[in-house]
Amino acid sequence: MKLGFLTACLPKLSLEQIADWAVLQGYESLEVAAWPDLGERPFIATHLNVENLSAQYLNSVKTIFDSRGIELSSIAFYDNNLHPDQSVRDEVNAHVIKCIDAAAALGVETVGTFVGRDWNKPVRENLAMAKDVFAPLVSHANSKGVKIIIENCVMEGWHPDGYPGNLAYSPELWEWMFGLGLYLNFDPSHLVWMGIDPVKAIKPYLDRIPHAQAKDIQIDLDRRNHFGFPGKAVQRENPWDVGWWRYRVPGLGDVDWRRLIDEMYDGGFTGTLSVEHEDPVWGGTEEKVKVGLKVAYDTLRPLIVQ
């Protein structure tokens, strides 16, 4: 098992700058953000330009990693592959293909994305639609020797009423998407607020988890008693503001990382555990983000065999 982080938390830095800092801190791998230029949307970045697959550019990317002795663990583009606007959906699907081609060219095993959801349609219709949408993506990935990994983020802010906007949030749905040829980029934080024990949830599926993310979550039980499970209803100006939980870096939330990592070892996990930094306390500036990544490193490093 290697310890890494998702580069999207440092959108203003270059890939070279992030790699230099990661090595100094002790991280062993990077999950590299490869979104197209979408402006100032939070938690995205373009540290890998998958529009440019020239030999010169690909060699420059390989040099960044090879010269520093750090691994590119996965290519990250988490967006809505079932977007209700067909033109947007087509753009997202096409970008996933470009990420797959980049992964194959760079010798990277996985590309991370979301299933997504058309929030205007019920779940049953979305599941049927996903079979058609993902069939060509999985076929292309298989032909390139690449696995498409789906993060189990709920993406409640994509739905107008705060319901799941990414149909990969539970073991039931994981089993469904495995049938489509997809894999799981396991993130325990989303399971905790859904009422699912991440340690019990991961055990049966480790053979379908080539990559995992490390994000923590802090639960406020008193506020949940007030708002209920779906979260704020009357005053919810920000669709992402559920009101009774917030993401934290590992060590500052409620995930039992000792038990979880022990279960991963017991199940034979040998991939990268990649810190996904979305902590509002240790966010907002480059300096704070780096502190958060250091807290995560100090929490997880003693639990991972070197």
C-alpha atoms as a PDB file:
ATOM      1  CA  MET A   1       0.000   0.000   0.000  1.00  0.00           C
ATOM      2  CA  LYS A   2       1.251   3.480  -0.920  1.00  0.00           C
ATOM      3  CA  LEU A   3       0.221   6.812   0.598  1.00  0.00           C
ATOM      4  CA  GLY A   4      -0.627   9.630  -1.790  1.00  0.00           C
ATOM      5  CA  PHE A   5      -3.011  12.532  -2.314  1.00  0.00           C
ATOM      6  CA  LEU A   6      -5.323  13.974  -4.964  1.00  0.00           C
ATOM      7  CA  THR A   7      -3.721  17.085  -6.475  1.00  0.00           C
ATOM      8  CA  ALA A   8      -7.013  18.999  -6.937  1.00  0.00           C
ATOM      9  CA  CYS A   9      -6.629  20.620  -3.509  1.00  0.00           C
ATOM     10  CA  LEU A  10      -3.700  22.686  -4.865  1.00  0.00           C
ATOM     11  CA  PRO A  11      -5.137  24.036  -8.128  1.00  0.00           C
ATOM     12  CA  LYS A  12      -2.805  27.021  -8.435  1.00  0.00           C
ATOM     13  CA  LEU A  13       0.418  24.991  -8.241  1.00  0.00           C
ATOM     14  CA  SER A  14       2.005  23.217 -11.167  1.00  0.00           C
ATOM     15  CA  LEU A  15       2.375  19.449 -11.218  1.00  0.00           C
ATOM     16  CA  GLU A  16       6.141  19.879 -10.782  1.00  0.00           C
ATOM     17  CA  GLN A  17       5.652  22.048  -7.694  1.00  0.00           C
ATOM     18  CA  ILE A  18       3.187  19.594  -6.175  1.00  0.00           C
ATOM     19  CA  ALA A  19       5.487  16.634  -6.849  1.00  0.00           C
ATOM     20  CA  ASP A  20       8.441  18.432  -5.231  1.00  0.00           C
ATOM     21  CA  TRP A  21       6.412  19.215  -2.105  1.00  0.00           C
ATOM     22  CA  ALA A  22       4.892  15.727  -1.936  1.00  0.00           C
ATOM     23  CA  VAL A  23       8.321  14.071  -1.992  1.00  0.00           C
ATOM     24  CA  LEU A  24       9.644  16.360   0.728  1.00  0.00           C
ATOM     25  CA  GLN A  25       6.635  15.568   2.889  1.00  0.00           C
ATOM     26  CA  GLY A  26       7.030  11.810   2.388  1.00  0.00           C
ATOM     27  CA  TYR A  27       4.105  11.037   0.089  1.00  0.00           C
ATOM     28  CA  GLU A  28       4.725   8.201  -2.357  1.00  0.00           C
ATOM     29  CA  SER A  29       2.154   8.851  -5.072  1.00  0.00           C
ATOM     30  CA  LEU A  30      -0.163  11.425  -6.627  1.00  0.00           C
ATOM     31  CA  GLU A  31      -3.694  11.026  -7.941  1.00  0.00           C
ATOM     32  CA  VAL A  32      -3.488  13.670 -10.650  1.00  0.00           C
ATOM     33  CA  ALA A  33      -6.382  16.025 -11.445  1.00  0.00           C
ATOM     34  CA  ALA A  34      -7.204  16.149 -15.156  1.00  0.00           C
ATOM     35  CA  TRP A  35     -10.369  18.238 -15.474  1.00  0.00           C
ATOM     36  CA  PRO A  36     -10.770  20.486 -18.511  1.00  0.00           C
ATOM     37  CA  ASP A  37     -10.703  24.227 -17.813  1.00  0.00           C
ATOM     38  CA  LEU A  38     -14.040  24.765 -16.035  1.00  0.00           C
ATOM     39  CA  GLY A  39     -13.191  28.062 -14.334  1.00  0.00           C
ATOM     40  CA  GLU A  40     -13.242  28.493 -10.570  1.00  0.00           C
ATOM     41  CA  ARG A  41     -15.307  25.436  -9.685  1.00  0.00           C
ATOM     42  CA  PRO A  42     -14.132  24.127  -6.289  1.00  0.00           C
ATOM     43  CA  PHE A  43     -12.170  20.896  -5.845  1.00  0.00           C
ATOM     44  CA  ILE A  44     -11.066  20.607  -9.465  1.00  0.00           C
ATOM     45  CA  ALA A  45      -7.792  21.328 -11.258  1.00  0.00           C
ATOM     46  CA  THR A  46      -5.955  20.679 -14.516  1.00  0.00           C
ATOM     47  CA  HIS A  47      -2.579  19.259 -13.538  1.00  0.00           C
ATOM     48  CA  LEU A  48      -2.614  16.872 -16.488  1.00  0.00           C
ATOM     49  CA  ASN A  49      -3.704  18.128 -19.907  1.00  0.00           C
ATOM     50  CA  VAL A  50      -5.270  15.092 -21.548  1.00  0.00           C
ATOM     51  CA  GLU A  51      -5.958  17.161 -24.668  1.00  0.00           C
ATOM     52  CA  ASN A  52      -2.228  16.969 -25.404  1.00  0.00           C
ATOM     53  CA  LEU A  53      -0.913  13.460 -25.852  1.00  0.00           C
ATOM     54  CA  SER A  54       2.143  14.357 -27.879  1.00  0.00           C
ATOM     55  CA  ALA A  55       5.254  12.312 -27.210  1.00  0.00           C
ATOM     56  CA  GLN A  56       7.025  15.416 -25.935  1.00  0.00           C
ATOM     57  CA  TYR A  57       4.321  16.251 -23.410  1.00  0.00           C
ATOM     58  CA  LEU A  58       3.918  12.671 -22.202  1.00  0.00           C
ATOM     59  CA  ASN A  59       7.683  12.357 -21.720  1.00  0.00           C
ATOM     60  CA  SER A  60       7.705  15.574 -19.697  1.00  0.00           C
ATOM     61  CA  VAL A  61       5.002  14.158 -17.394  1.00  0.00           C
ATOM     62  CA  LYS A  62       6.856  10.855 -17.005  1.00  0.00           C
ATOM     63  CA  THR A  63      10.042  12.762 -16.164  1.00  0.00           C
ATOM     64  CA  ILE A  64       8.290  14.637 -13.343  1.00  0.00           C
ATOM     65  CA  PHE A  65       7.511  11.334 -11.643  1.00  0.00           C
ATOM     66  CA  ASP A  66      10.532   9.239 -12.606  1.00  0.00           C
ATOM     67  CA  SER A  67      13.077  11.886 -11.590  1.00  0.00           C
ATOM     68  CA  ARG A  68      11.501  12.253  -8.146  1.00  0.00           C
ATOM     69  CA  GLY A  69      10.792   8.587  -7.478  1.00  0.00           C
ATOM     70  CA  ILE A  70       7.067   9.190  -7.017  1.00  0.00           C
ATOM     71  CA  GLU A  71       4.165   7.300  -8.618  1.00  0.00           C
ATOM     72  CA  LEU A  72       1.209   8.576 -10.660  1.00  0.00           C
ATOM     73  CA  SER A  73      -1.452   6.426  -9.031  1.00  0.00           C
ATOM     74  CA  SER A  74      -4.551   7.442 -11.007  1.00  0.00           C
ATOM     75  CA  ILE A  75      -5.955  10.086 -13.346  1.00  0.00           C
ATOM     76  CA  ALA A  76      -8.848  11.986 -11.762  1.00  0.00           C
ATOM     77  CA  PHE A  77     -11.855  13.484 -13.567  1.00  0.00           C
ATOM     78  CA  TYR A  78     -14.930  13.268 -11.359  1.00  0.00           C
ATOM     79  CA  ASP A  79     -17.967  14.602 -13.204  1.00  0.00           C
ATOM     80  CA  ASN A  80     -21.531  13.661 -14.120  1.00  0.00           C
ATOM     81  CA  ASN A  81     -21.496  11.006 -16.835  1.00  0.00           C
ATOM     82  CA  LEU A  82     -25.331  10.932 -16.797  1.00  0.00           C
ATOM     83  CA  HIS A  83     -25.858  14.708 -16.918  1.00  0.00           C
ATOM     84  CA  PRO A  84     -29.427  15.597 -17.991  1.00  0.00           C
ATOM     85  CA  ASP A  85     -28.130  17.968 -20.681  1.00  0.00           C
ATOM     86  CA  GLN A  86     -27.120  15.647 -23.516  1.00  0.00           C
ATOM     87  CA  SER A  87     -24.435  18.024 -24.807  1.00  0.00           C
ATOM     88  CA  VAL A  88     -22.825  18.268 -21.368  1.00  0.00           C
ATOM     89  CA  ARG A  89     -23.064  14.493 -20.921  1.00  0.00           C
ATOM     90  CA  ASP A  90     -21.368  13.937 -24.273  1.00  0.00           C
ATOM     91  CA  GLU A  91     -18.543  16.299 -23.300  1.00  0.00           C
ATOM     92  CA  VAL A  92     -18.022  14.504 -19.982  1.00  0.00           C
ATOM     93  CA  ASN A  93     -18.040  11.065 -21.624  1.00  0.00           C
ATOM     94  CA  ALA A  94     -15.600  12.253 -24.295  1.00  0.00           C
ATOM     95  CA  HIS A  95     -13.243  13.614 -21.638  1.00  0.00           C
ATOM     96  CA  VAL A  96     -13.290  10.275 -19.821  1.00  0.00           C
ATOM     97  CA  ILE A  97     -12.106   8.678 -23.080  1.00  0.00           C
ATOM     98  CA  LYS A  98      -9.249  11.179 -23.269  1.00  0.00           C
ATOM     99  CA  CYS A  99      -8.298  10.378 -19.664  1.00  0.00           C
ATOM    100  CA  ILE A 100      -8.261   6.675 -20.526  1.00  0.00           C
ATOM    101  CA  ASP A 101      -5.981   7.323 -23.501  1.00  0.00           C
ATOM    102  CA  ALA A 102      -3.660   9.410 -21.316  1.00  0.00           C
ATOM    103  CA  ALA A 103      -3.582   6.688 -18.651  1.00  0.00           C
ATOM    104  CA  ALA A 104      -2.674   4.048 -21.228  1.00  0.00           C
ATOM    105  CA  ALA A 105       0.062   6.242 -22.668  1.00  0.00           C
ATOM    106  CA  LEU A 106       1.519   6.931 -19.216  1.00  0.00           C
ATOM    107  CA  GLY A 107       1.243   3.360 -17.917  1.00  0.00           C
ATOM    108  CA  VAL A 108      -1.374   4.302 -15.289  1.00  0.00           C
ATOM    109  CA  GLU A 109      -3.768   1.550 -14.218  1.00  0.00           C
ATOM    110  CA  THR A 110      -6.875   3.573 -13.355  1.00  0.00           C
ATOM    111  CA  VAL A 111      -9.036   6.555 -14.312  1.00  0.00           C
ATOM    112  CA  GLY A 112     -11.382   7.916 -11.658  1.00  0.00           C
ATOM    113  CA  THR A 113     -14.815   9.401 -12.392  1.00  0.00           C
ATOM    114  CA  PHE A 114     -18.464   9.338 -11.222  1.00  0.00           C
ATOM    115  CA  VAL A 115     -21.474   7.430 -12.472  1.00  0.00           C
ATOM    116  CA  GLY A 116     -23.526  10.580 -11.961  1.00  0.00           C
ATOM    117  CA  ARG A 117     -27.267  10.961 -12.355  1.00  0.00           C
ATOM    118  CA  ASP A 118     -29.964  12.641 -14.433  1.00  0.00           C
ATOM    119  CA  TRP A 119     -31.746  14.250 -11.494  1.00  0.00           C
ATOM    120  CA  ASN A 120     -34.922  14.707 -13.570  1.00  0.00           C
ATOM    121  CA  LYS A 121     -35.437  10.936 -13.753  1.00  0.00           C
ATOM    122  CA  PRO A 122     -35.950   8.237 -11.099  1.00  0.00           C
ATOM    123  CA  VAL A 123     -33.136   5.912 -10.089  1.00  0.00           C
ATOM    124  CA  ARG A 124     -34.553   2.975 -12.069  1.00  0.00           C
ATOM    125  CA  GLU A 125     -34.339   4.911 -15.348  1.00  0.00           C
ATOM    126  CA  ASN A 126     -30.857   6.149 -14.530  1.00  0.00           C
ATOM    127  CA  LEU A 127     -29.580   2.637 -13.934  1.00  0.00           C
ATOM    128  CA  ALA A 128     -30.910   1.518 -17.318  1.00  0.00           C
ATOM    129  CA  MET A 129     -29.407   4.566 -19.016  1.00  0.00           C
ATOM    130  CA  ALA A 130     -26.021   4.003 -17.361  1.00  0.00           C
ATOM    131  CA  LYS A 131     -25.686   0.620 -19.062  1.00  0.00           C
ATOM    132  CA  ASP A 132     -25.734   2.322 -22.471  1.00  0.00           C
ATOM    133  CA  VAL A 133     -23.535   5.239 -21.413  1.00  0.00           C
ATOM    134  CA  PHE A 134     -20.797   3.173 -19.783  1.00  0.00           C
ATOM    135  CA  ALA A 135     -20.652   0.274 -22.241  1.00  0.00           C
ATOM    136  CA  PRO A 136     -18.438   2.137 -24.767  1.00  0.00           C
ATOM    137  CA  LEU A 137     -16.353   3.724 -21.990  1.00  0.00           C
ATOM    138  CA  VAL A 138     -15.634   0.359 -20.351  1.00  0.00           C
ATOM    139  CA  SER A 139     -14.978  -1.261 -23.730  1.00  0.00           C
ATOM    140  CA  HIS A 140     -12.456   1.452 -24.589  1.00  0.00           C
ATOM    141  CA  ALA A 141     -10.813   1.182 -21.169  1.00  0.00           C
ATOM    142  CA  ASN A 142     -10.530  -2.599 -21.479  1.00  0.00           C
ATOM    143  CA  SER A 143      -8.916  -2.271 -24.908  1.00  0.00           C
ATOM    144  CA  LYS A 144      -6.290   0.019 -23.351  1.00  0.00           C
ATOM    145  CA  GLY A 145      -5.658  -2.071 -20.228  1.00  0.00           C
ATOM    146  CA  VAL A 146      -7.167   0.614 -17.963  1.00  0.00           C
ATOM    147  CA  LYS A 147      -9.762   0.295 -15.188  1.00  0.00           C
ATOM    148  CA  ILE A 148     -12.489   2.919 -14.678  1.00  0.00           C
ATOM    149  CA  ILE A 149     -12.859   3.491 -10.937  1.00  0.00           C
ATOM    150  CA  ILE A 150     -15.951   5.170  -9.487  1.00  0.00           C
ATOM    151  CA  GLU A 151     -15.784   7.169  -6.267  1.00  0.00           C
ATOM    152  CA  ASN A 152     -18.720   6.493  -3.956  1.00  0.00           C
ATOM    153  CA  CYS A 153     -19.328  10.196  -3.282  1.00  0.00           C
ATOM    154  CA  VAL A 154     -23.037  10.927  -2.818  1.00  0.00           C
ATOM    155  CA  MET A 155     -22.848  14.269  -4.710  1.00  0.00           C
ATOM    156  CA  GLU A 156     -26.001  15.460  -2.982  1.00  0.00           C
ATOM    157  CA  GLY A 157     -25.407  19.016  -4.228  1.00  0.00           C
ATOM    158  CA  TRP A 158     -26.132  17.925  -7.800  1.00  0.00           C
ATOM    159  CA  HIS A 159     -29.751  17.105  -6.902  1.00  0.00           C
ATOM    160  CA  PRO A 160     -32.185  20.028  -6.367  1.00  0.00           C
ATOM    161  CA  ASP A 161     -33.456  18.467  -3.134  1.00  0.00           C
ATOM    162  CA  GLY A 162     -30.138  17.154  -1.854  1.00  0.00           C
ATOM    163  CA  TYR A 163     -30.709  13.515  -2.764  1.00  0.00           C
ATOM    164  CA  PRO A 164     -27.891  11.366  -4.163  1.00  0.00           C
ATOM    165  CA  GLY A 165     -26.528  12.756  -7.433  1.00  0.00           C
ATOM    166  CA  ASN A 166     -23.997   9.973  -8.028  1.00  0.00           C
ATOM    167  CA  LEU A 167     -25.418   6.461  -8.145  1.00  0.00           C
ATOM    168  CA  ALA A 168     -22.535   4.710  -6.433  1.00  0.00           C
ATOM    169  CA  TYR A 169     -23.162   5.536  -2.781  1.00  0.00           C
ATOM    170  CA  SER A 170     -23.932   2.072  -1.359  1.00  0.00           C
ATOM    171  CA  PRO A 171     -22.735  -1.541  -1.589  1.00  0.00           C
ATOM    172  CA  GLU A 172     -25.978  -2.386  -3.398  1.00  0.00           C
ATOM    173  CA  LEU A 173     -25.040   0.054  -6.157  1.00  0.00           C
ATOM    174  CA  TRP A 174     -21.404  -1.085  -6.164  1.00  0.00           C
ATOM    175  CA  GLU A 175     -22.579  -4.597  -7.002  1.00  0.00           C
ATOM    176  CA  TRP A 176     -24.703  -3.167  -9.827  1.00  0.00           C
ATOM    177  CA  MET A 177     -21.836  -1.126 -11.305  1.00  0.00           C
ATOM    178  CA  PHE A 178     -19.368  -4.021 -11.020  1.00  0.00           C
ATOM    179  CA  GLY A 179     -21.722  -5.777 -13.420  1.00  0.00           C
ATOM    180  CA  LEU A 180     -21.056  -2.951 -15.902  1.00  0.00           C
ATOM    181  CA  GLY A 181     -17.305  -3.601 -15.700  1.00  0.00           C
ATOM    182  CA  LEU A 182     -16.587  -0.672 -13.379  1.00  0.00           C
ATOM    183  CA  TYR A 183     -14.392  -0.663 -10.278  1.00  0.00           C
ATOM    184  CA  LEU A 184     -14.577   1.273  -6.991  1.00  0.00           C
ATOM    185  CA  ASN A 185     -12.391   4.110  -5.750  1.00  0.00           C
ATOM    186  CA  PHE A 186     -13.371   3.571  -2.123  1.00  0.00           C
ATOM    187  CA  ASP A 187     -13.848   6.663   0.102  1.00  0.00           C
ATOM    188  CA  PRO A 188     -15.052   5.912   3.655  1.00  0.00           C
ATOM    189  CA  SER A 189     -16.204   9.441   4.502  1.00  0.00           C
ATOM    190  CA  HIS A 190     -19.328   9.265   2.338  1.00  0.00           C
ATOM    191  CA  LEU A 191     -20.410   6.000   3.915  1.00  0.00           C
ATOM    192  CA  VAL A 192     -20.277   7.374   7.459  1.00  0.00           C
ATOM    193  CA  TRP A 193     -22.944  10.048   6.961  1.00  0.00           C
ATOM    194  CA  MET A 194     -25.068   7.577   4.976  1.00  0.00           C
ATOM    195  CA  GLY A 195     -25.134   5.347   8.064  1.00  0.00           C
ATOM    196  CA  ILE A 196     -22.920   2.634   6.567  1.00  0.00           C
ATOM    197  CA  ASP A 197     -19.957   1.203   8.485  1.00  0.00           C
ATOM    198  CA  PRO A 198     -16.997   1.636   6.098  1.00  0.00           C
ATOM    199  CA  VAL A 199     -14.984  -1.156   7.726  1.00  0.00           C
ATOM    200  CA  LYS A 200     -17.768  -3.695   7.223  1.00  0.00           C
ATOM    201  CA  ALA A 201     -18.615  -2.300   3.787  1.00  0.00           C
ATOM    202  CA  ILE A 202     -15.150  -2.643   2.289  1.00  0.00           C
ATOM    203  CA  LYS A 203     -14.477  -6.259   3.250  1.00  0.00           C
ATOM    204  CA  PRO A 204     -16.457  -8.128   0.541  1.00  0.00           C
ATOM    205  CA  TYR A 205     -15.296  -5.887  -2.310  1.00  0.00           C
ATOM    206  CA  LEU A 206     -11.543  -5.461  -1.985  1.00  0.00           C
ATOM    207  CA  ASP A 207     -10.931  -7.432  -5.169  1.00  0.00           C
ATOM    208  CA  ARG A 208     -12.798  -4.649  -7.034  1.00  0.00           C
ATOM    209  CA  ILE A 209     -10.952  -1.771  -5.316  1.00  0.00           C
ATOM    210  CA  PRO A 210      -7.629  -1.034  -7.042  1.00  0.00           C
ATOM    211  CA  HIS A 211      -7.422   2.477  -5.546  1.00  0.00           C
ATOM    212  CA  ALA A 212      -8.866   4.163  -2.446  1.00  0.00           C
ATOM    213  CA  GLN A 213      -9.271   7.682  -1.105  1.00  0.00           C
ATOM    214  CA  ALA A 214      -8.680   8.930   2.417  1.00  0.00           C
ATOM    215  CA  LYS A 215     -11.115  11.597   3.518  1.00  0.00           C
ATOM    216  CA  ASP A 216     -12.567  11.975   6.989  1.00  0.00           C
ATOM    217  CA  ILE A 217     -15.903  13.335   8.163  1.00  0.00           C
ATOM    218  CA  GLN A 218     -17.124  15.039  11.331  1.00  0.00           C
ATOM    219  CA  ILE A 219     -20.722  14.384  12.426  1.00  0.00           C
ATOM    220  CA  ASP A 220     -22.791  16.765  14.551  1.00  0.00           C
ATOM    221  CA  LEU A 221     -25.482  14.554  16.087  1.00  0.00           C
ATOM    222  CA  ASP A 222     -27.408  17.455  17.674  1.00  0.00           C
ATOM    223  CA  ARG A 223     -27.776  19.191  14.314  1.00  0.00           C
ATOM    224  CA  ARG A 224     -28.811  15.917  12.667  1.00  0.00           C
ATOM    225  CA  ASN A 225     -31.535  15.600  15.303  1.00  0.00           C
ATOM    226  CA  HIS A 226     -32.768  19.022  14.159  1.00  0.00           C
ATOM    227  CA  PHE A 227     -32.501  18.710  10.365  1.00  0.00           C
ATOM    228  CA  GLY A 228     -32.929  14.981   9.884  1.00  0.00           C
ATOM    229  CA  PHE A 229     -30.939  12.768   7.570  1.00  0.00           C
ATOM    230  CA  PRO A 230     -31.543  14.691   4.286  1.00  0.00           C
ATOM    231  CA  GLY A 231     -30.273  17.895   5.912  1.00  0.00           C
ATOM    232  CA  LYS A 232     -31.434  21.493   5.736  1.00  0.00           C
ATOM    233  CA  ALA A 233     -34.739  22.081   3.978  1.00  0.00           C
ATOM    234  CA  VAL A 234     -36.084  25.579   4.771  1.00  0.00           C
ATOM    235  CA  GLN A 235     -32.868  27.582   4.551  1.00  0.00           C
ATOM    236  CA  ARG A 236     -30.503  25.767   2.214  1.00  0.00           C
ATOM    237  CA  GLU A 237     -29.102  28.405  -0.096  1.00  0.00           C
ATOM    238  CA  ASN A 238     -26.054  26.249  -0.836  1.00  0.00           C
ATOM    239  CA  PRO A 239     -27.168  22.821  -2.150  1.00  0.00           C
ATOM    240  CA  TRP A 240     -24.025  21.256  -0.655  1.00  0.00           C
ATOM    241  CA  ASP A 241     -24.811  22.506   2.867  1.00  0.00           C
ATOM    242  CA  VAL A 242     -26.448  19.504   4.528  1.00  0.00           C
ATOM    243  CA  GLY A 243     -25.990  21.218   7.872  1.00  0.00           C
ATOM    244  CA  TRP A 244     -24.978  18.384  10.185  1.00  0.00           C
ATOM    245  CA  TRP A 245     -21.619  17.097   8.906  1.00  0.00           C
ATOM    246  CA  ARG A 246     -18.477  18.362   7.246  1.00  0.00           C
ATOM    247  CA  TYR A 247     -15.463  16.771   5.618  1.00  0.00           C
ATOM    248  CA  ARG A 248     -12.171  16.723   7.516  1.00  0.00           C
ATOM    249  CA  VAL A 249      -8.665  15.477   6.790  1.00  0.00           C
ATOM    250  CA  PRO A 250      -7.866  12.040   8.232  1.00  0.00           C
ATOM    251  CA  GLY A 251      -7.352  12.225  11.988  1.00  0.00           C
ATOM    252  CA  LEU A 252      -9.791  15.095  12.594  1.00  0.00           C
ATOM    253  CA  GLY A 253     -13.045  13.242  12.014  1.00  0.00           C
ATOM    254  CA  ASP A 254     -14.954  10.096  12.929  1.00  0.00           C
ATOM    255  CA  VAL A 255     -13.435   7.452  10.592  1.00  0.00           C
ATOM    256  CA  ASP A 256     -11.540   4.700  12.443  1.00  0.00           C
ATOM    257  CA  TRP A 257      -8.465   4.613  10.212  1.00  0.00           C
ATOM    258  CA  ARG A 258      -6.682   1.959  12.283  1.00  0.00           C
ATOM    259  CA  ARG A 259      -9.514  -0.541  11.803  1.00  0.00           C
ATOM    260  CA  LEU A 260     -10.103   0.408   8.183  1.00  0.00           C
ATOM    261  CA  ILE A 261      -6.481   0.117   7.046  1.00  0.00           C
ATOM    262  CA  ASP A 262      -6.103  -3.129   8.971  1.00  0.00           C
ATOM    263  CA  GLU A 263      -9.125  -4.499   7.065  1.00  0.00           C
ATOM    264  CA  MET A 264      -7.581  -3.341   3.780  1.00  0.00           C
ATOM    265  CA  TYR A 265      -4.347  -5.168   4.560  1.00  0.00           C
ATOM    266  CA  ASP A 266      -6.265  -8.251   5.650  1.00  0.00           C
ATOM    267  CA  GLY A 267      -8.075  -8.249   2.306  1.00  0.00           C
ATOM    268  CA  GLY A 268      -4.886  -7.910   0.294  1.00  0.00           C
ATOM    269  CA  PHE A 269      -5.171  -4.277  -0.844  1.00  0.00           C
ATOM    270  CA  THR A 270      -1.908  -3.184  -2.511  1.00  0.00           C
ATOM    271  CA  GLY A 271      -2.968   0.031  -4.258  1.00  0.00           C
ATOM    272  CA  THR A 272      -2.680   3.684  -3.276  1.00  0.00           C
ATOM    273  CA  LEU A 273      -4.549   5.274  -0.384  1.00  0.00           C
ATOM    274  CA  SER A 274      -4.967   8.813  -1.716  1.00  0.00           C
ATOM    275  CA  VAL A 275      -5.823  11.714   0.618  1.00  0.00           C
ATOM    276  CA  GLU A 276      -8.682  13.790  -0.793  1.00  0.00           C
ATOM    277  CA  HIS A 277      -8.446  17.121   0.991  1.00  0.00           C
ATOM    278  CA  GLU A 278     -11.783  18.959   1.259  1.00  0.00           C
ATOM    279  CA  ASP A 279     -11.450  20.082   4.887  1.00  0.00           C
ATOM    280  CA  PRO A 280     -12.995  23.582   5.351  1.00  0.00           C
ATOM    281  CA  VAL A 281     -10.885  24.262   8.445  1.00  0.00           C
ATOM    282  CA  TRP A 282      -7.605  23.519   6.664  1.00  0.00           C
ATOM    283  CA  GLY A 283      -8.607  24.958   3.304  1.00  0.00           C
ATOM    284  CA  GLY A 284      -8.848  28.257   1.494  1.00  0.00           C
ATOM    285  CA  THR A 285      -5.140  28.976   1.127  1.00  0.00           C
ATOM    286  CA  GLU A 286      -2.161  27.018  -0.121  1.00  0.00           C
ATOM    287  CA  GLU A 287      -0.566  27.198   3.320  1.00  0.00           C
ATOM    288  CA  LYS A 288      -3.629  25.821   5.111  1.00  0.00           C
ATOM    289  CA  VAL A 289      -4.111  23.052   2.551  1.00  0.00           C
ATOM    290  CA  LYS A 290      -0.518  21.949   3.057  1.00  0.00           C
ATOM    291  CA  VAL A 291      -1.044  21.867   6.822  1.00  0.00           C
ATOM    292  CA  GLY A 292      -4.093  19.670   6.256  1.00  0.00           C
ATOM    293  CA  LEU A 293      -2.080  17.320   4.063  1.00  0.00           C
ATOM    294  CA  LYS A 294       0.577  17.142   6.773  1.00  0.00           C
ATOM    295  CA  VAL A 295      -2.064  16.272   9.397  1.00  0.00           C
ATOM    296  CA  ALA A 296      -3.373  13.539   7.098  1.00  0.00           C
ATOM    297  CA  TYR A 297       0.140  12.222   6.488  1.00  0.00           C
ATOM    298  CA  ASP A 298       0.971  12.141  10.202  1.00  0.00           C
ATOM    299  CA  THR A 299      -2.295  10.285  10.898  1.00  0.00           C
ATOM    300  CA  LEU A 300      -1.973   7.667   8.155  1.00  0.00           C
ATOM    301  CA  ARG A 301       1.786   7.132   7.868  1.00  0.00           C
ATOM    302  CA  PRO A 302       2.136   5.087  11.104  1.00  0.00           C
ATOM    303  CA  LEU A 303      -0.608   2.741   9.894  1.00  0.00           C
ATOM    304  CA  ILE A 304       0.937   1.943   6.502  1.00  0.00           C
ATOM    305  CA  VAL A 305       3.841  -0.486   6.256  1.00  0.00           C
ATOM    306  CA  GLN A 306       6.886   0.939   4.482  1.00  0.00           C
END
